[in-house]
Each structure stands twice: as C-alpha cells, then as structure tokens.
Amino acid sequence: MSVTSVVTVGPKGRVVIPVEVRRALGLTEGSELVALIEGDAVVLLPRSSVRDRLRSLFAGVEGSMAGDLIGERRAAAKEESRS
C-alpha cells in the first residue's frame, strides 16, 4: 500500500504525520521514529524497523564486537601496567 501526503513544518519544527500514514505503519502516540537524511530527503523510520534491519544485517556475524573491544582494552591496560 502506498500512501502519499503533504505535510507542513509548524512551530518549533513540528510535523504532524497524517492519520493514513500512522495507521499504515501502526504508529500510535509515543511511537519512536528515527530521522535519517538521505540526500536531500528526510526519512522517518519506526525505531523497531531500524532495529530489525540491523539485526538481519548482522545476523551472520559471530562473536561480540563489544567483547572483542573489551578484550583488546584489557590487554592494552595489562601491557601498560607492565611498563
């Protein structure tokens, strides 16, 4: 389903998302959106959509990048304490 609407930027930069768009995406009061700039466009994505895209993008990655970084930092700290 494709929904196209024109919106106006109001006071303090506020934009009202039309009801048709909110319904199509299941957005309710308090829904969190991520604002991206792509070229000369502003793209609003539901935060859950961004999370799901990132999870699928990194699904095949094994290990933990955070764990690797912590291990590297601990090794560097240990080396520094020897000096």
N, C-alpha and C. Protein backbone atom coordinates (compact mmCIF):
# COMPACT_ATOMS: atom_id res chain seq x y z
N MET A 1 0.84 -1.18 0.00
CA MET A 1 0.00 0.00 0.00
C MET A 1 0.89 1.24 0.00
N SER A 2 0.62 2.14 -0.90
CA SER A 2 1.39 3.36 -0.99
C SER A 2 0.52 4.53 -0.54
N VAL A 3 1.05 5.29 0.42
CA VAL A 3 0.33 6.45 0.92
C VAL A 3 1.23 7.67 0.71
N THR A 4 0.71 8.69 0.06
CA THR A 4 1.46 9.92 -0.17
C THR A 4 0.68 11.07 0.44
N SER A 5 1.37 11.88 1.24
CA SER A 5 0.74 13.04 1.87
C SER A 5 1.72 14.20 1.87
N VAL A 6 1.17 15.38 1.86
CA VAL A 6 1.97 16.59 2.00
C VAL A 6 1.78 17.10 3.42
N VAL A 7 2.88 17.39 4.10
CA VAL A 7 2.81 17.91 5.46
C VAL A 7 3.53 19.24 5.51
N THR A 8 3.23 20.02 6.54
CA THR A 8 3.83 21.34 6.71
C THR A 8 4.62 21.36 8.00
N VAL A 9 5.80 21.97 7.95
CA VAL A 9 6.59 22.14 9.16
C VAL A 9 5.99 23.30 9.94
N GLY A 10 5.63 23.01 11.18
CA GLY A 10 4.98 24.02 12.02
C GLY A 10 5.95 24.62 13.02
N PRO A 11 5.39 25.26 14.04
CA PRO A 11 6.21 25.88 15.08
C PRO A 11 7.17 24.86 15.69
N LYS A 12 8.35 25.32 15.98
CA LYS A 12 9.40 24.50 16.60
C LYS A 12 9.76 23.28 15.75
N GLY A 13 9.53 23.35 14.44
CA GLY A 13 9.90 22.27 13.54
C GLY A 13 9.00 21.06 13.60
N ARG A 14 7.85 21.18 14.17
CA ARG A 14 6.95 20.04 14.33
C ARG A 14 6.24 19.71 13.03
N VAL A 15 6.09 18.40 12.80
CA VAL A 15 5.38 17.89 11.63
C VAL A 15 4.33 16.91 12.13
N VAL A 16 3.12 17.05 11.66
CA VAL A 16 2.06 16.11 12.01
C VAL A 16 2.02 15.03 10.94
N ILE A 17 2.12 13.79 11.37
CA ILE A 17 2.08 12.67 10.44
C ILE A 17 0.60 12.34 10.19
N PRO A 18 0.18 12.37 8.94
CA PRO A 18 -1.23 12.14 8.62
C PRO A 18 -1.73 10.79 9.14
N VAL A 19 -3.00 10.74 9.49
CA VAL A 19 -3.59 9.55 10.08
C VAL A 19 -3.45 8.33 9.17
N GLU A 20 -3.55 8.52 7.86
CA GLU A 20 -3.41 7.38 6.93
C GLU A 20 -2.03 6.75 7.05
N VAL A 21 -1.01 7.58 7.19
CA VAL A 21 0.36 7.09 7.32
C VAL A 21 0.54 6.40 8.66
N ARG A 22 0.02 7.02 9.72
CA ARG A 22 0.13 6.41 11.06
C ARG A 22 -0.55 5.05 11.09
N ARG A 23 -1.71 4.97 10.51
CA ARG A 23 -2.44 3.69 10.50
C ARG A 23 -1.69 2.63 9.70
N ALA A 24 -1.19 3.03 8.53
CA ALA A 24 -0.48 2.08 7.66
C ALA A 24 0.75 1.49 8.35
N LEU A 25 1.40 2.30 9.20
CA LEU A 25 2.62 1.85 9.89
C LEU A 25 2.38 1.40 11.32
N GLY A 26 1.13 1.52 11.77
CA GLY A 26 0.83 1.12 13.14
C GLY A 26 1.43 2.04 14.18
N LEU A 27 1.57 3.31 13.85
CA LEU A 27 2.15 4.29 14.77
C LEU A 27 1.07 4.80 15.71
N THR A 28 1.40 4.86 16.98
CA THR A 28 0.49 5.41 17.98
C THR A 28 1.24 6.47 18.76
N GLU A 29 0.52 7.19 19.61
CA GLU A 29 1.17 8.22 20.43
C GLU A 29 2.29 7.57 21.22
N GLY A 30 3.45 8.20 21.19
CA GLY A 30 4.62 7.68 21.90
C GLY A 30 5.51 6.79 21.05
N SER A 31 5.06 6.42 19.83
CA SER A 31 5.91 5.62 18.95
C SER A 31 7.20 6.37 18.67
N GLU A 32 8.31 5.65 18.68
CA GLU A 32 9.60 6.29 18.42
C GLU A 32 9.97 6.12 16.96
N LEU A 33 10.42 7.22 16.35
CA LEU A 33 10.86 7.23 14.96
C LEU A 33 12.32 7.65 14.91
N VAL A 34 13.03 7.15 13.92
CA VAL A 34 14.41 7.54 13.66
C VAL A 34 14.38 8.42 12.42
N ALA A 35 14.99 9.60 12.50
CA ALA A 35 15.04 10.52 11.37
C ALA A 35 16.40 10.40 10.68
N LEU A 36 16.37 10.11 9.40
CA LEU A 36 17.59 9.98 8.60
C LEU A 36 17.58 11.02 7.50
N ILE A 37 18.75 11.51 7.15
CA ILE A 37 18.88 12.38 5.99
C ILE A 37 19.50 11.53 4.88
N GLU A 38 18.77 11.40 3.79
CA GLU A 38 19.25 10.68 2.63
C GLU A 38 19.23 11.64 1.45
N GLY A 39 20.41 12.13 1.08
CA GLY A 39 20.49 13.12 0.01
C GLY A 39 19.79 14.39 0.46
N ASP A 40 18.76 14.78 -0.27
CA ASP A 40 18.01 15.99 0.10
C ASP A 40 16.66 15.64 0.71
N ALA A 41 16.54 14.43 1.28
CA ALA A 41 15.27 13.98 1.84
C ALA A 41 15.42 13.63 3.32
N VAL A 42 14.32 13.79 4.05
CA VAL A 42 14.24 13.33 5.44
C VAL A 42 13.40 12.06 5.42
N VAL A 43 13.94 11.00 6.00
CA VAL A 43 13.23 9.73 6.04
C VAL A 43 12.95 9.40 7.51
N LEU A 44 11.70 9.14 7.83
CA LEU A 44 11.31 8.75 9.18
C LEU A 44 11.02 7.26 9.18
N LEU A 45 11.70 6.52 10.06
CA LEU A 45 11.51 5.08 10.16
C LEU A 45 11.13 4.72 11.58
N PRO A 46 10.18 3.80 11.75
CA PRO A 46 9.90 3.33 13.10
C PRO A 46 11.18 2.71 13.69
N ARG A 47 11.45 3.01 14.95
CA ARG A 47 12.67 2.52 15.59
C ARG A 47 12.75 0.99 15.51
N SER A 48 11.61 0.32 15.66
CA SER A 48 11.61 -1.14 15.60
C SER A 48 12.04 -1.63 14.21
N SER A 49 11.71 -0.89 13.17
CA SER A 49 12.11 -1.25 11.82
C SER A 49 13.62 -1.15 11.66
N VAL A 50 14.21 -0.11 12.22
CA VAL A 50 15.67 0.07 12.17
C VAL A 50 16.34 -1.08 12.93
N ARG A 51 15.81 -1.40 14.11
CA ARG A 51 16.37 -2.50 14.91
C ARG A 51 16.33 -3.80 14.12
N ASP A 52 15.19 -4.09 13.51
CA ASP A 52 15.04 -5.33 12.75
C ASP A 52 16.00 -5.37 11.56
N ARG A 53 16.16 -4.25 10.87
CA ARG A 53 17.09 -4.19 9.73
C ARG A 53 18.52 -4.44 10.18
N LEU A 54 18.92 -3.84 11.30
CA LEU A 54 20.28 -4.04 11.81
C LEU A 54 20.50 -5.48 12.24
N ARG A 55 19.52 -6.07 12.90
CA ARG A 55 19.65 -7.47 13.32
C ARG A 55 19.82 -8.39 12.12
N SER A 56 19.06 -8.16 11.06
CA SER A 56 19.18 -9.02 9.88
C SER A 56 20.51 -8.77 9.17
N LEU A 57 20.98 -7.53 9.18
CA LEU A 57 22.25 -7.20 8.54
C LEU A 57 23.42 -7.90 9.23
N PHE A 58 23.37 -7.99 10.56
CA PHE A 58 24.47 -8.58 11.32
C PHE A 58 24.17 -10.00 11.80
N ALA A 59 23.14 -10.63 11.25
CA ALA A 59 22.74 -11.97 11.70
C ALA A 59 23.86 -13.00 11.54
N GLY A 60 24.66 -12.89 10.51
CA GLY A 60 25.71 -13.87 10.26
C GLY A 60 27.02 -13.60 10.97
N VAL A 61 27.10 -12.50 11.69
CA VAL A 61 28.34 -12.14 12.38
C VAL A 61 28.44 -12.93 13.67
N GLU A 62 29.57 -13.63 13.82
CA GLU A 62 29.78 -14.42 15.03
C GLU A 62 30.60 -13.62 16.03
N GLY A 63 30.44 -13.96 17.29
CA GLY A 63 31.19 -13.28 18.34
C GLY A 63 30.53 -11.98 18.73
N SER A 64 31.24 -11.25 19.56
CA SER A 64 30.72 -9.98 20.06
C SER A 64 31.74 -8.89 19.82
N MET A 65 31.36 -7.88 19.06
CA MET A 65 32.27 -6.77 18.82
C MET A 65 32.60 -6.07 20.14
N ALA A 66 31.61 -5.95 21.01
CA ALA A 66 31.84 -5.33 22.31
C ALA A 66 32.81 -6.18 23.13
N GLY A 67 32.61 -7.49 23.10
CA GLY A 67 33.50 -8.39 23.82
C GLY A 67 34.93 -8.32 23.29
N ASP A 68 35.07 -8.25 21.97
CA ASP A 68 36.40 -8.12 21.36
C ASP A 68 37.08 -6.82 21.79
N LEU A 69 36.32 -5.73 21.78
CA LEU A 69 36.88 -4.44 22.17
C LEU A 69 37.31 -4.45 23.64
N ILE A 70 36.47 -5.00 24.50
CA ILE A 70 36.81 -5.08 25.93
C ILE A 70 38.07 -5.90 26.11
N GLY A 71 38.17 -7.02 25.40
CA GLY A 71 39.38 -7.86 25.48
C GLY A 71 40.63 -7.11 25.05
N GLU A 72 40.52 -6.35 23.95
CA GLU A 72 41.66 -5.55 23.47
C GLU A 72 42.06 -4.49 24.49
N ARG A 73 41.07 -3.82 25.07
CA ARG A 73 41.36 -2.78 26.07
C ARG A 73 42.01 -3.37 27.30
N ARG A 74 41.54 -4.53 27.74
CA ARG A 74 42.14 -5.18 28.92
C ARG A 74 43.58 -5.59 28.64
N ALA A 75 43.83 -6.11 27.45
CA ALA A 75 45.19 -6.49 27.08
C ALA A 75 46.10 -5.27 27.03
N ALA A 76 45.60 -4.16 26.49
CA ALA A 76 46.39 -2.93 26.43
C ALA A 76 46.65 -2.40 27.83
N ALA A 77 45.66 -2.45 28.71
CA ALA A 77 45.84 -1.98 30.09
C ALA A 77 46.86 -2.85 30.81
N LYS A 78 46.81 -4.14 30.58
CA LYS A 78 47.76 -5.06 31.22
C LYS A 78 49.18 -4.76 30.74
N GLU A 79 49.32 -4.52 29.45
CA GLU A 79 50.63 -4.18 28.88
C GLU A 79 51.16 -2.87 29.45
N GLU A 80 50.30 -1.90 29.61
CA GLU A 80 50.71 -0.61 30.17
C GLU A 80 51.13 -0.74 31.62
N SER A 81 50.46 -1.61 32.37
CA SER A 81 50.80 -1.77 33.78
C SER A 81 52.15 -2.45 33.96
N ARG A 82 52.59 -3.22 32.96
CA ARG A 82 53.90 -3.86 33.00
C ARG A 82 55.01 -2.85 32.78
N SER A 83 54.70 -1.78 32.08
CA SER A 83 55.73 -0.77 31.72
C SER A 83 56.04 0.14 32.88
